N, C-alpha and C. Protein backbone atom coordinates (compact mmCIF):
# COMPACT_ATOMS: atom_id res chain seq x y z
N UNK A 1 38.45 47.11 119.45
CA UNK A 1 37.48 47.41 118.40
C UNK A 1 37.98 46.88 117.06
N UNK A 2 37.05 46.39 116.26
CA UNK A 2 37.41 45.83 114.96
C UNK A 2 37.93 46.93 114.04
N UNK A 3 38.79 46.54 113.11
CA UNK A 3 39.30 47.48 112.13
C UNK A 3 39.69 46.71 110.89
N UNK A 4 39.75 47.42 109.76
CA UNK A 4 40.17 46.81 108.51
C UNK A 4 41.67 46.55 108.56
N UNK A 5 42.08 45.34 108.22
CA UNK A 5 43.51 45.00 108.28
C UNK A 5 44.03 44.47 106.94
N UNK A 6 43.24 44.66 105.88
CA UNK A 6 43.67 44.19 104.57
C UNK A 6 44.54 45.22 103.86
N UNK A 7 44.83 45.00 102.57
CA UNK A 7 45.68 45.92 101.80
C UNK A 7 45.03 47.29 101.64
N UNK A 8 45.75 48.33 102.06
CA UNK A 8 45.20 49.69 102.00
C UNK A 8 45.02 50.17 100.57
N UNK A 9 45.97 49.84 99.71
CA UNK A 9 45.92 50.33 98.33
C UNK A 9 44.72 49.74 97.57
N UNK A 10 44.28 48.59 97.99
CA UNK A 10 43.11 47.97 97.37
C UNK A 10 41.86 48.85 97.56
N UNK A 11 41.78 49.52 98.70
CA UNK A 11 40.64 50.39 98.98
C UNK A 11 40.65 51.60 98.05
N UNK A 12 41.83 52.17 97.82
CA UNK A 12 41.93 53.31 96.90
C UNK A 12 41.50 52.90 95.50
N UNK A 13 41.94 51.74 95.08
CA UNK A 13 41.60 51.28 93.73
C UNK A 13 40.11 51.00 93.61
N UNK A 14 39.51 50.49 94.69
CA UNK A 14 38.07 50.21 94.65
C UNK A 14 37.27 51.49 94.53
N UNK A 15 37.73 52.56 95.19
CA UNK A 15 37.00 53.83 95.14
C UNK A 15 37.43 54.70 93.97
N UNK A 16 38.44 54.23 93.21
CA UNK A 16 38.96 54.99 92.07
C UNK A 16 39.39 56.39 92.48
N UNK A 17 40.05 56.44 93.64
CA UNK A 17 40.49 57.71 94.19
C UNK A 17 41.63 57.45 95.17
N UNK A 18 42.66 58.28 95.11
CA UNK A 18 43.75 58.15 96.07
C UNK A 18 43.29 58.66 97.42
N UNK A 19 43.23 57.78 98.42
CA UNK A 19 42.73 58.13 99.75
C UNK A 19 43.85 58.46 100.73
N UNK A 20 45.09 58.34 100.29
CA UNK A 20 46.27 58.65 101.12
C UNK A 20 46.26 57.86 102.43
N UNK A 21 46.04 56.56 102.31
CA UNK A 21 45.95 55.68 103.48
C UNK A 21 47.32 55.20 103.95
N UNK A 22 48.36 55.39 103.12
CA UNK A 22 49.69 54.90 103.50
C UNK A 22 50.70 56.03 103.67
N UNK A 23 50.18 57.20 103.97
CA UNK A 23 51.06 58.32 104.31
C UNK A 23 51.94 58.77 103.17
N UNK A 24 53.21 58.96 103.48
CA UNK A 24 54.15 59.55 102.53
C UNK A 24 54.34 58.69 101.28
N UNK A 25 54.13 57.39 101.39
CA UNK A 25 54.29 56.49 100.24
C UNK A 25 53.33 56.88 99.12
N UNK A 26 52.18 57.43 99.48
CA UNK A 26 51.17 57.80 98.48
C UNK A 26 51.63 58.95 97.57
N UNK A 27 52.68 59.66 97.99
CA UNK A 27 53.19 60.77 97.19
C UNK A 27 54.35 60.33 96.29
N UNK A 28 54.69 59.05 96.32
CA UNK A 28 55.83 58.56 95.54
C UNK A 28 55.38 57.67 94.39
N UNK A 29 56.35 57.23 93.58
CA UNK A 29 56.06 56.33 92.46
C UNK A 29 55.70 54.93 92.93
N UNK A 30 55.90 54.63 94.20
CA UNK A 30 55.57 53.31 94.73
C UNK A 30 54.08 53.13 94.98
N UNK A 31 53.34 54.22 94.89
CA UNK A 31 51.90 54.16 95.14
C UNK A 31 51.22 53.20 94.15
N UNK A 32 50.53 52.20 94.68
CA UNK A 32 49.90 51.19 93.83
C UNK A 32 48.79 51.78 92.97
N UNK A 33 48.13 52.82 93.46
CA UNK A 33 47.04 53.43 92.69
C UNK A 33 47.56 54.07 91.41
N UNK A 34 48.77 54.62 91.47
CA UNK A 34 49.37 55.22 90.28
C UNK A 34 49.70 54.16 89.24
N UNK A 35 50.09 52.98 89.71
CA UNK A 35 50.50 51.91 88.79
C UNK A 35 49.32 51.10 88.26
N UNK A 36 48.27 50.99 89.11
CA UNK A 36 47.10 50.18 88.71
C UNK A 36 45.84 50.90 89.14
N UNK A 37 45.47 51.92 88.41
CA UNK A 37 44.32 52.74 88.80
C UNK A 37 43.01 52.17 88.27
N UNK A 38 42.83 50.87 88.46
CA UNK A 38 41.57 50.22 88.11
C UNK A 38 41.13 49.38 89.30
N UNK A 39 39.88 48.98 89.29
CA UNK A 39 39.32 48.26 90.44
C UNK A 39 40.07 46.96 90.69
N UNK A 40 40.18 46.53 91.96
CA UNK A 40 40.89 45.29 92.27
C UNK A 40 40.08 44.07 91.86
N UNK A 41 40.72 42.93 91.87
CA UNK A 41 40.02 41.69 91.55
C UNK A 41 40.30 41.20 90.14
N UNK A 42 39.89 39.98 89.87
CA UNK A 42 40.16 39.33 88.60
C UNK A 42 39.59 40.09 87.41
N UNK A 43 38.41 40.71 87.62
CA UNK A 43 37.74 41.39 86.52
C UNK A 43 37.78 42.91 86.68
N UNK A 44 38.73 43.39 87.46
CA UNK A 44 38.78 44.82 87.76
C UNK A 44 38.91 45.70 86.54
N UNK A 45 39.73 45.29 85.56
CA UNK A 45 39.94 46.11 84.37
C UNK A 45 38.74 46.13 83.45
N UNK A 46 37.85 45.15 83.62
CA UNK A 46 36.68 45.08 82.74
C UNK A 46 35.43 45.67 83.38
N UNK A 47 35.54 46.10 84.64
CA UNK A 47 34.37 46.68 85.29
C UNK A 47 34.03 48.01 84.66
N UNK A 48 32.78 48.32 84.63
CA UNK A 48 32.34 49.58 84.02
C UNK A 48 30.83 49.57 83.91
N UNK A 49 30.33 50.35 83.00
CA UNK A 49 28.89 50.41 82.83
C UNK A 49 28.25 51.42 83.76
N UNK A 50 26.96 51.54 83.64
CA UNK A 50 26.21 52.53 84.40
C UNK A 50 26.00 52.05 85.84
N UNK A 51 26.19 52.97 86.79
CA UNK A 51 25.96 52.67 88.20
C UNK A 51 24.64 53.30 88.62
N UNK A 52 23.85 52.57 89.38
CA UNK A 52 22.55 53.07 89.83
C UNK A 52 22.74 54.20 90.83
N UNK A 53 21.66 54.93 91.09
CA UNK A 53 21.72 56.00 92.08
C UNK A 53 22.10 55.48 93.45
N UNK A 54 21.54 54.33 93.80
CA UNK A 54 21.88 53.72 95.09
C UNK A 54 23.36 53.35 95.14
N UNK A 55 23.87 52.85 94.02
CA UNK A 55 25.28 52.47 93.96
C UNK A 55 26.20 53.66 94.16
N UNK A 56 25.83 54.81 93.59
CA UNK A 56 26.63 56.03 93.74
C UNK A 56 26.62 56.48 95.21
N UNK A 57 25.46 56.43 95.83
CA UNK A 57 25.35 56.82 97.23
C UNK A 57 26.16 55.87 98.13
N UNK A 58 26.07 54.59 97.84
CA UNK A 58 26.79 53.61 98.64
C UNK A 58 28.30 53.80 98.53
N UNK A 59 28.78 54.03 97.32
CA UNK A 59 30.22 54.22 97.12
C UNK A 59 30.71 55.47 97.87
N UNK A 60 29.89 56.52 97.92
CA UNK A 60 30.29 57.72 98.63
C UNK A 60 30.41 57.44 100.13
N UNK A 61 29.48 56.69 100.66
CA UNK A 61 29.56 56.34 102.08
C UNK A 61 30.79 55.49 102.35
N UNK A 62 31.05 54.50 101.51
CA UNK A 62 32.21 53.63 101.69
C UNK A 62 33.51 54.43 101.61
N UNK A 63 33.54 55.40 100.72
CA UNK A 63 34.74 56.23 100.56
C UNK A 63 35.03 57.01 101.84
N UNK A 64 34.01 57.63 102.41
CA UNK A 64 34.21 58.43 103.63
C UNK A 64 34.61 57.52 104.80
N UNK A 65 33.98 56.36 104.91
CA UNK A 65 34.34 55.40 105.97
C UNK A 65 35.82 55.03 105.86
N UNK A 66 36.28 54.82 104.66
CA UNK A 66 37.67 54.38 104.45
C UNK A 66 38.66 55.52 104.67
N UNK A 67 38.28 56.73 104.32
CA UNK A 67 39.16 57.87 104.57
C UNK A 67 39.45 58.01 106.05
N UNK A 68 38.40 57.89 106.87
CA UNK A 68 38.55 58.11 108.31
C UNK A 68 38.80 56.82 109.10
N UNK A 69 38.80 55.68 108.43
CA UNK A 69 39.08 54.42 109.11
C UNK A 69 38.00 54.00 110.08
N UNK A 70 36.74 54.20 109.70
CA UNK A 70 35.61 53.88 110.57
C UNK A 70 34.79 52.75 109.94
N UNK A 71 34.35 51.80 110.76
CA UNK A 71 33.53 50.71 110.27
C UNK A 71 32.05 51.07 110.36
N UNK A 72 31.19 50.21 109.83
CA UNK A 72 29.78 50.55 109.60
C UNK A 72 29.02 50.95 110.86
N UNK A 73 29.11 50.18 111.92
CA UNK A 73 28.30 50.46 113.10
C UNK A 73 28.67 51.82 113.71
N UNK A 74 29.95 52.09 113.79
CA UNK A 74 30.40 53.36 114.34
C UNK A 74 30.02 54.53 113.43
N UNK A 75 30.14 54.30 112.13
CA UNK A 75 29.77 55.34 111.18
C UNK A 75 28.29 55.67 111.30
N UNK A 76 27.46 54.64 111.50
CA UNK A 76 26.01 54.86 111.65
C UNK A 76 25.72 55.67 112.90
N UNK A 77 26.48 55.45 113.96
CA UNK A 77 26.29 56.23 115.18
C UNK A 77 26.67 57.69 114.95
N UNK A 78 27.75 57.92 114.22
CA UNK A 78 28.13 59.29 113.89
C UNK A 78 27.01 59.99 113.11
N UNK A 79 26.42 59.26 112.18
CA UNK A 79 25.35 59.85 111.38
C UNK A 79 24.14 60.19 112.25
N UNK A 80 23.79 59.28 113.14
CA UNK A 80 22.64 59.52 114.02
C UNK A 80 22.87 60.75 114.89
N UNK A 81 24.09 60.91 115.39
CA UNK A 81 24.43 62.10 116.19
C UNK A 81 24.34 63.36 115.34
N UNK A 82 24.88 63.30 114.12
CA UNK A 82 24.87 64.46 113.22
C UNK A 82 23.43 64.86 112.88
N UNK A 83 22.57 63.88 112.75
CA UNK A 83 21.17 64.13 112.38
C UNK A 83 20.43 64.86 113.50
N UNK A 84 20.82 64.59 114.75
CA UNK A 84 20.15 65.21 115.90
C UNK A 84 20.66 66.62 116.18
N UNK A 85 21.82 66.96 115.66
CA UNK A 85 22.39 68.28 115.91
C UNK A 85 21.75 69.34 115.03
N UNK A 86 21.87 70.59 115.46
CA UNK A 86 21.39 71.70 114.64
C UNK A 86 22.32 71.89 113.45
N UNK A 87 21.78 72.38 112.36
CA UNK A 87 22.61 72.63 111.19
C UNK A 87 22.40 71.59 110.11
N UNK A 88 23.32 71.55 109.17
CA UNK A 88 23.24 70.65 108.02
C UNK A 88 23.81 69.29 108.41
N UNK A 89 23.03 68.25 108.25
CA UNK A 89 23.42 66.92 108.71
C UNK A 89 24.74 66.46 108.10
N UNK A 90 24.92 66.63 106.80
CA UNK A 90 26.14 66.17 106.14
C UNK A 90 27.38 66.88 106.66
N UNK A 91 27.27 68.20 106.86
CA UNK A 91 28.40 68.96 107.41
C UNK A 91 28.68 68.55 108.85
N UNK A 92 27.63 68.36 109.62
CA UNK A 92 27.79 67.90 111.01
C UNK A 92 28.53 66.57 111.06
N UNK A 93 28.20 65.68 110.13
CA UNK A 93 28.84 64.37 110.07
C UNK A 93 30.34 64.49 109.84
N UNK A 94 30.73 65.32 108.88
CA UNK A 94 32.15 65.48 108.58
C UNK A 94 32.91 66.11 109.74
N UNK A 95 32.27 67.06 110.43
CA UNK A 95 32.94 67.70 111.57
C UNK A 95 33.12 66.69 112.71
N UNK A 96 32.13 65.84 112.95
CA UNK A 96 32.27 64.80 113.97
C UNK A 96 33.44 63.87 113.66
N UNK A 97 33.59 63.53 112.40
CA UNK A 97 34.70 62.66 111.99
C UNK A 97 36.04 63.39 112.12
N UNK A 98 36.05 64.68 111.79
CA UNK A 98 37.28 65.46 111.91
C UNK A 98 37.69 65.63 113.37
N UNK A 99 36.76 65.57 114.28
CA UNK A 99 37.06 65.77 115.71
C UNK A 99 37.70 64.54 116.36
N UNK A 100 37.73 63.42 115.68
CA UNK A 100 38.37 62.23 116.24
C UNK A 100 39.84 62.53 116.56
N UNK A 101 40.31 62.02 117.69
CA UNK A 101 41.69 62.29 118.09
C UNK A 101 42.69 61.79 117.06
N UNK A 102 42.46 60.60 116.49
CA UNK A 102 43.42 60.10 115.50
C UNK A 102 43.48 61.01 114.28
N UNK A 103 42.34 61.59 113.89
CA UNK A 103 42.34 62.51 112.75
C UNK A 103 43.07 63.80 113.10
N UNK A 104 42.87 64.32 114.32
CA UNK A 104 43.53 65.55 114.74
C UNK A 104 45.05 65.36 114.79
N UNK A 105 45.48 64.20 115.30
CA UNK A 105 46.91 63.89 115.33
C UNK A 105 47.48 63.90 113.91
N UNK A 106 46.74 63.32 112.97
CA UNK A 106 47.15 63.31 111.56
C UNK A 106 47.16 64.72 110.98
N UNK A 107 46.12 65.49 111.25
CA UNK A 107 46.02 66.85 110.72
C UNK A 107 47.15 67.74 111.22
N UNK A 108 47.56 67.52 112.47
CA UNK A 108 48.63 68.33 113.04
C UNK A 108 50.01 67.92 112.56
N UNK A 109 50.09 66.79 111.87
CA UNK A 109 51.37 66.37 111.31
C UNK A 109 52.21 65.50 112.22
N UNK A 110 51.60 64.92 113.26
CA UNK A 110 52.34 64.03 114.15
C UNK A 110 52.29 62.57 113.66
N UNK A 111 51.57 62.33 112.59
CA UNK A 111 51.50 61.00 111.98
C UNK A 111 51.34 61.19 110.48
N UNK A 112 51.84 60.26 109.69
CA UNK A 112 51.80 60.41 108.23
C UNK A 112 50.50 59.91 107.62
N UNK A 113 49.68 59.21 108.39
CA UNK A 113 48.38 58.73 107.92
C UNK A 113 47.46 58.58 109.11
N UNK A 114 46.18 58.48 108.86
CA UNK A 114 45.24 58.27 109.96
C UNK A 114 45.42 56.90 110.59
N UNK A 115 45.77 55.91 109.78
CA UNK A 115 46.02 54.58 110.33
C UNK A 115 47.20 54.60 111.31
N UNK A 116 48.26 55.30 110.92
CA UNK A 116 49.41 55.41 111.81
C UNK A 116 49.05 56.20 113.06
N UNK A 117 48.26 57.26 112.90
CA UNK A 117 47.83 58.06 114.04
C UNK A 117 47.02 57.21 115.02
N UNK A 118 46.15 56.38 114.48
CA UNK A 118 45.34 55.50 115.33
C UNK A 118 46.23 54.60 116.17
N UNK A 119 47.25 54.02 115.55
CA UNK A 119 48.15 53.12 116.26
C UNK A 119 48.95 53.87 117.33
N UNK A 120 49.43 55.06 117.00
CA UNK A 120 50.20 55.84 117.96
C UNK A 120 49.34 56.25 119.16
N UNK A 121 48.10 56.62 118.90
CA UNK A 121 47.20 56.97 120.00
C UNK A 121 46.95 55.76 120.89
N UNK A 122 46.72 54.61 120.27
CA UNK A 122 46.47 53.38 121.01
C UNK A 122 47.64 53.01 121.93
N UNK A 123 48.85 53.37 121.52
CA UNK A 123 50.03 53.00 122.29
C UNK A 123 50.47 54.11 123.26
N UNK A 124 49.51 54.97 123.61
CA UNK A 124 49.71 55.95 124.70
C UNK A 124 50.78 57.00 124.41
N UNK A 125 50.90 57.43 123.18
CA UNK A 125 51.93 58.41 122.85
C UNK A 125 51.43 59.86 122.90
N UNK A 126 50.13 60.07 123.16
CA UNK A 126 49.57 61.42 123.12
C UNK A 126 48.79 61.76 124.38
N UNK A 127 48.75 63.04 124.68
CA UNK A 127 47.97 63.55 125.80
C UNK A 127 47.07 64.68 125.31
N UNK A 128 45.89 64.77 125.89
CA UNK A 128 44.95 65.85 125.57
C UNK A 128 44.71 66.64 126.85
N UNK A 129 45.05 67.91 126.82
CA UNK A 129 44.91 68.73 128.02
C UNK A 129 45.76 68.24 129.18
N UNK A 130 46.90 67.63 128.85
CA UNK A 130 47.81 67.16 129.89
C UNK A 130 47.49 65.77 130.42
N UNK A 131 46.42 65.16 129.92
CA UNK A 131 46.03 63.83 130.39
C UNK A 131 46.19 62.80 129.26
N UNK A 132 46.75 61.66 129.59
CA UNK A 132 46.95 60.61 128.59
C UNK A 132 45.60 60.14 128.05
N UNK A 133 45.50 60.06 126.73
CA UNK A 133 44.30 59.54 126.07
C UNK A 133 44.72 58.53 125.03
N UNK A 134 44.17 57.32 125.09
CA UNK A 134 44.54 56.28 124.13
C UNK A 134 43.34 55.74 123.37
N UNK A 135 42.33 56.60 123.20
CA UNK A 135 41.12 56.22 122.46
C UNK A 135 41.10 57.00 121.14
N UNK A 136 41.32 56.34 120.00
CA UNK A 136 41.38 57.05 118.72
C UNK A 136 40.13 57.86 118.40
N UNK A 137 38.96 57.41 118.85
CA UNK A 137 37.71 58.11 118.53
C UNK A 137 37.38 59.22 119.51
N UNK A 138 38.26 59.48 120.46
CA UNK A 138 38.02 60.53 121.46
C UNK A 138 37.67 61.84 120.76
N UNK A 139 36.52 62.47 121.11
CA UNK A 139 36.11 63.72 120.43
C UNK A 139 36.82 64.94 120.99
N UNK A 140 37.70 65.50 120.22
CA UNK A 140 38.46 66.68 120.64
C UNK A 140 37.56 67.91 120.59
N UNK A 141 37.74 68.81 121.55
CA UNK A 141 36.94 70.03 121.64
C UNK A 141 37.79 71.25 121.26
N UNK A 142 37.11 72.34 120.94
CA UNK A 142 37.81 73.59 120.64
C UNK A 142 38.58 74.03 121.89
N UNK A 143 39.83 74.41 121.70
CA UNK A 143 40.66 74.83 122.81
C UNK A 143 41.50 73.72 123.40
N UNK A 144 41.25 72.47 123.02
CA UNK A 144 42.03 71.34 123.54
C UNK A 144 43.47 71.41 123.02
N UNK A 145 44.41 71.08 123.89
CA UNK A 145 45.82 70.99 123.51
C UNK A 145 46.19 69.52 123.37
N UNK A 146 46.72 69.16 122.20
CA UNK A 146 47.16 67.79 121.95
C UNK A 146 48.68 67.82 121.88
N UNK A 147 49.32 66.97 122.64
CA UNK A 147 50.79 66.97 122.63
C UNK A 147 51.34 65.55 122.65
N UNK A 148 52.51 65.42 122.06
CA UNK A 148 53.24 64.16 122.11
C UNK A 148 53.83 64.05 123.51
N UNK A 149 53.63 62.93 124.17
CA UNK A 149 54.15 62.77 125.52
C UNK A 149 55.69 62.78 125.52
N UNK A 150 56.25 63.24 126.59
CA UNK A 150 57.69 63.44 126.71
C UNK A 150 58.49 62.22 126.28
N UNK A 151 58.05 61.05 126.73
CA UNK A 151 58.81 59.82 126.46
C UNK A 151 58.72 59.38 125.00
N UNK A 152 57.81 60.00 124.24
CA UNK A 152 57.56 59.55 122.86
C UNK A 152 58.13 60.48 121.81
N UNK A 153 58.85 61.50 122.20
CA UNK A 153 59.26 62.54 121.26
C UNK A 153 60.46 62.18 120.39
N UNK A 154 61.00 61.00 120.59
CA UNK A 154 62.10 60.56 119.73
C UNK A 154 61.70 59.38 118.83
N UNK A 155 60.41 59.08 118.80
CA UNK A 155 59.93 57.98 117.95
C UNK A 155 60.11 58.37 116.48
N UNK A 156 60.80 57.55 115.69
CA UNK A 156 61.08 57.89 114.28
C UNK A 156 59.82 58.21 113.47
N UNK A 157 58.74 57.44 113.66
CA UNK A 157 57.51 57.68 112.90
C UNK A 157 57.01 59.11 113.09
N UNK A 158 57.03 59.58 114.32
CA UNK A 158 56.53 60.92 114.62
C UNK A 158 57.46 61.98 114.03
N UNK A 159 58.76 61.79 114.18
CA UNK A 159 59.73 62.76 113.65
C UNK A 159 59.66 62.83 112.13
N UNK A 160 59.53 61.69 111.48
CA UNK A 160 59.43 61.66 110.02
C UNK A 160 58.16 62.34 109.54
N UNK A 161 57.07 62.09 110.24
CA UNK A 161 55.79 62.70 109.86
C UNK A 161 55.86 64.22 109.98
N UNK A 162 56.50 64.71 111.02
CA UNK A 162 56.62 66.16 111.22
C UNK A 162 57.48 66.81 110.13
N UNK A 163 58.43 66.05 109.60
CA UNK A 163 59.29 66.58 108.54
C UNK A 163 58.57 66.63 107.20
N UNK A 164 57.68 65.67 106.96
CA UNK A 164 57.04 65.55 105.64
C UNK A 164 55.63 66.15 105.58
N UNK A 165 55.15 66.74 106.67
CA UNK A 165 53.78 67.29 106.68
C UNK A 165 53.62 68.43 105.68
N UNK A 166 54.73 69.04 105.25
CA UNK A 166 54.65 70.15 104.30
C UNK A 166 54.01 69.71 102.98
N UNK A 167 54.03 68.42 102.69
CA UNK A 167 53.44 67.94 101.43
C UNK A 167 51.93 68.16 101.41
N UNK A 168 51.30 68.06 102.58
CA UNK A 168 49.83 68.20 102.62
C UNK A 168 49.38 69.42 103.40
N UNK A 169 50.27 70.08 104.09
CA UNK A 169 50.02 71.31 104.83
C UNK A 169 49.12 71.08 106.06
N UNK A 170 49.31 71.91 107.05
CA UNK A 170 48.51 71.86 108.27
C UNK A 170 47.30 72.77 108.07
N UNK A 171 46.09 72.31 108.34
CA UNK A 171 44.90 73.13 108.11
C UNK A 171 44.86 74.36 109.01
N UNK A 172 44.17 75.42 108.59
CA UNK A 172 44.18 76.68 109.34
C UNK A 172 43.42 76.63 110.67
N UNK A 173 42.61 75.62 110.88
CA UNK A 173 41.81 75.57 112.11
C UNK A 173 42.54 74.90 113.28
N UNK A 174 43.78 74.48 113.05
CA UNK A 174 44.63 74.01 114.15
C UNK A 174 45.93 74.80 114.14
N UNK A 175 46.54 74.92 115.30
CA UNK A 175 47.81 75.63 115.42
C UNK A 175 48.83 74.69 116.04
N UNK A 176 49.99 74.56 115.42
CA UNK A 176 50.98 73.57 115.84
C UNK A 176 52.28 74.25 116.25
N UNK A 177 52.80 73.85 117.39
CA UNK A 177 54.11 74.27 117.87
C UNK A 177 55.03 73.06 117.77
N UNK A 178 55.68 72.93 116.62
CA UNK A 178 56.50 71.75 116.36
C UNK A 178 57.66 71.59 117.31
N UNK A 179 58.25 72.71 117.76
CA UNK A 179 59.40 72.64 118.66
C UNK A 179 59.04 72.00 120.00
N UNK A 180 57.79 72.20 120.41
CA UNK A 180 57.34 71.65 121.69
C UNK A 180 56.40 70.46 121.53
N UNK A 181 56.26 69.96 120.29
CA UNK A 181 55.47 68.76 120.01
C UNK A 181 54.03 68.89 120.52
N UNK A 182 53.43 70.03 120.26
CA UNK A 182 52.04 70.19 120.69
C UNK A 182 51.27 71.04 119.69
N UNK A 183 49.96 70.92 119.76
CA UNK A 183 49.09 71.71 118.90
C UNK A 183 47.79 72.02 119.61
N UNK A 184 47.08 73.03 119.12
CA UNK A 184 45.81 73.45 119.71
C UNK A 184 44.75 73.49 118.63
N UNK A 185 43.54 73.02 118.98
CA UNK A 185 42.40 73.13 118.07
C UNK A 185 41.79 74.50 118.26
N UNK A 186 41.98 75.39 117.30
CA UNK A 186 41.49 76.77 117.43
C UNK A 186 39.98 76.85 117.23
N UNK A 187 39.48 76.07 116.29
CA UNK A 187 38.06 76.06 115.99
C UNK A 187 37.75 74.79 115.21
N UNK A 188 36.49 74.47 115.06
CA UNK A 188 36.14 73.35 114.19
C UNK A 188 36.20 73.81 112.74
N UNK A 189 36.51 72.91 111.82
CA UNK A 189 36.65 73.33 110.42
C UNK A 189 35.32 73.74 109.80
N UNK A 190 35.40 74.70 108.89
CA UNK A 190 34.24 75.05 108.07
C UNK A 190 34.20 74.09 106.88
N UNK A 191 33.03 73.96 106.30
CA UNK A 191 32.90 72.98 105.21
C UNK A 191 33.87 73.28 104.08
N UNK A 192 34.07 74.54 103.76
CA UNK A 192 34.95 74.87 102.63
C UNK A 192 36.42 74.58 102.93
N UNK A 193 36.76 74.37 104.20
CA UNK A 193 38.13 74.05 104.57
C UNK A 193 38.44 72.57 104.45
N UNK A 194 37.40 71.76 104.26
CA UNK A 194 37.59 70.32 104.06
C UNK A 194 37.61 70.08 102.56
N UNK A 195 38.79 70.00 102.00
CA UNK A 195 38.95 70.00 100.55
C UNK A 195 38.92 68.61 99.91
N UNK A 196 38.69 67.59 100.72
CA UNK A 196 38.63 66.24 100.15
C UNK A 196 37.41 66.13 99.22
N UNK A 197 37.51 65.34 98.14
CA UNK A 197 36.39 65.21 97.20
C UNK A 197 35.26 64.36 97.77
N UNK A 198 34.47 64.95 98.66
CA UNK A 198 33.38 64.24 99.33
C UNK A 198 32.07 64.97 99.04
N UNK A 199 31.05 64.20 98.66
CA UNK A 199 29.70 64.74 98.50
C UNK A 199 28.84 64.14 99.60
N UNK A 200 28.84 64.78 100.76
CA UNK A 200 28.15 64.21 101.93
C UNK A 200 26.64 64.14 101.76
N UNK A 201 26.09 64.93 100.84
CA UNK A 201 24.65 64.90 100.61
C UNK A 201 24.20 63.52 100.11
N UNK A 202 25.08 62.85 99.36
CA UNK A 202 24.75 61.50 98.89
C UNK A 202 24.59 60.53 100.07
N UNK A 203 25.38 60.72 101.11
CA UNK A 203 25.29 59.86 102.30
C UNK A 203 23.98 60.14 103.03
N UNK A 204 23.62 61.42 103.13
CA UNK A 204 22.35 61.77 103.77
C UNK A 204 21.18 61.15 103.00
N UNK A 205 21.24 61.21 101.69
CA UNK A 205 20.18 60.62 100.87
C UNK A 205 20.11 59.11 101.06
N UNK A 206 21.27 58.47 101.19
CA UNK A 206 21.32 57.02 101.38
C UNK A 206 20.65 56.62 102.69
N UNK A 207 20.99 57.31 103.77
CA UNK A 207 20.44 56.96 105.07
C UNK A 207 19.00 57.44 105.25
N UNK A 208 18.54 58.29 104.36
CA UNK A 208 17.17 58.82 104.47
C UNK A 208 16.15 57.91 103.77
N UNK A 209 16.63 56.89 103.10
CA UNK A 209 15.71 56.00 102.37
C UNK A 209 14.83 55.22 103.32
């Protein structure tokens, strides 16, 4: 599947928001957004002016896509699914994105970023319910147990991520047993538990045009 392979910090600067795409580096002075918090490109420092309503909605959609590492076609499928479900479409959309296996691995602290989690999942380092799963978009269910496979428990990336997860904390809707390299999804997150600066209603308005 296609994925963005360009500079991660450029995306943060374009959205004028730290998206924490490079894991622990984003918490240090090396973070490019801290040093150059203006839009990328030759005229980035001169960009400004009024943004149209459509532009605001588009930027919100792009921001959410970049946070979760999803490209347009897949994101549109998530939205279509969320629209068909009962409840609030915007909240449904965020929960579908949170249920991705790569996101759950990141949330549990087994990876320092979603990009790293995606790579680790792809390389067969995780099991769901005792079965190997290497699909980053795999939809995790309530009660599922996610664990680092036995052969992968000495990988430096995973050990480092588990040590530094205290910087962002593990959300209350998952339970992690660090000693045994496993975690359980207790429930799906409530909207108020997703503290990222996202206005999902703008995305609903964009797709409703």
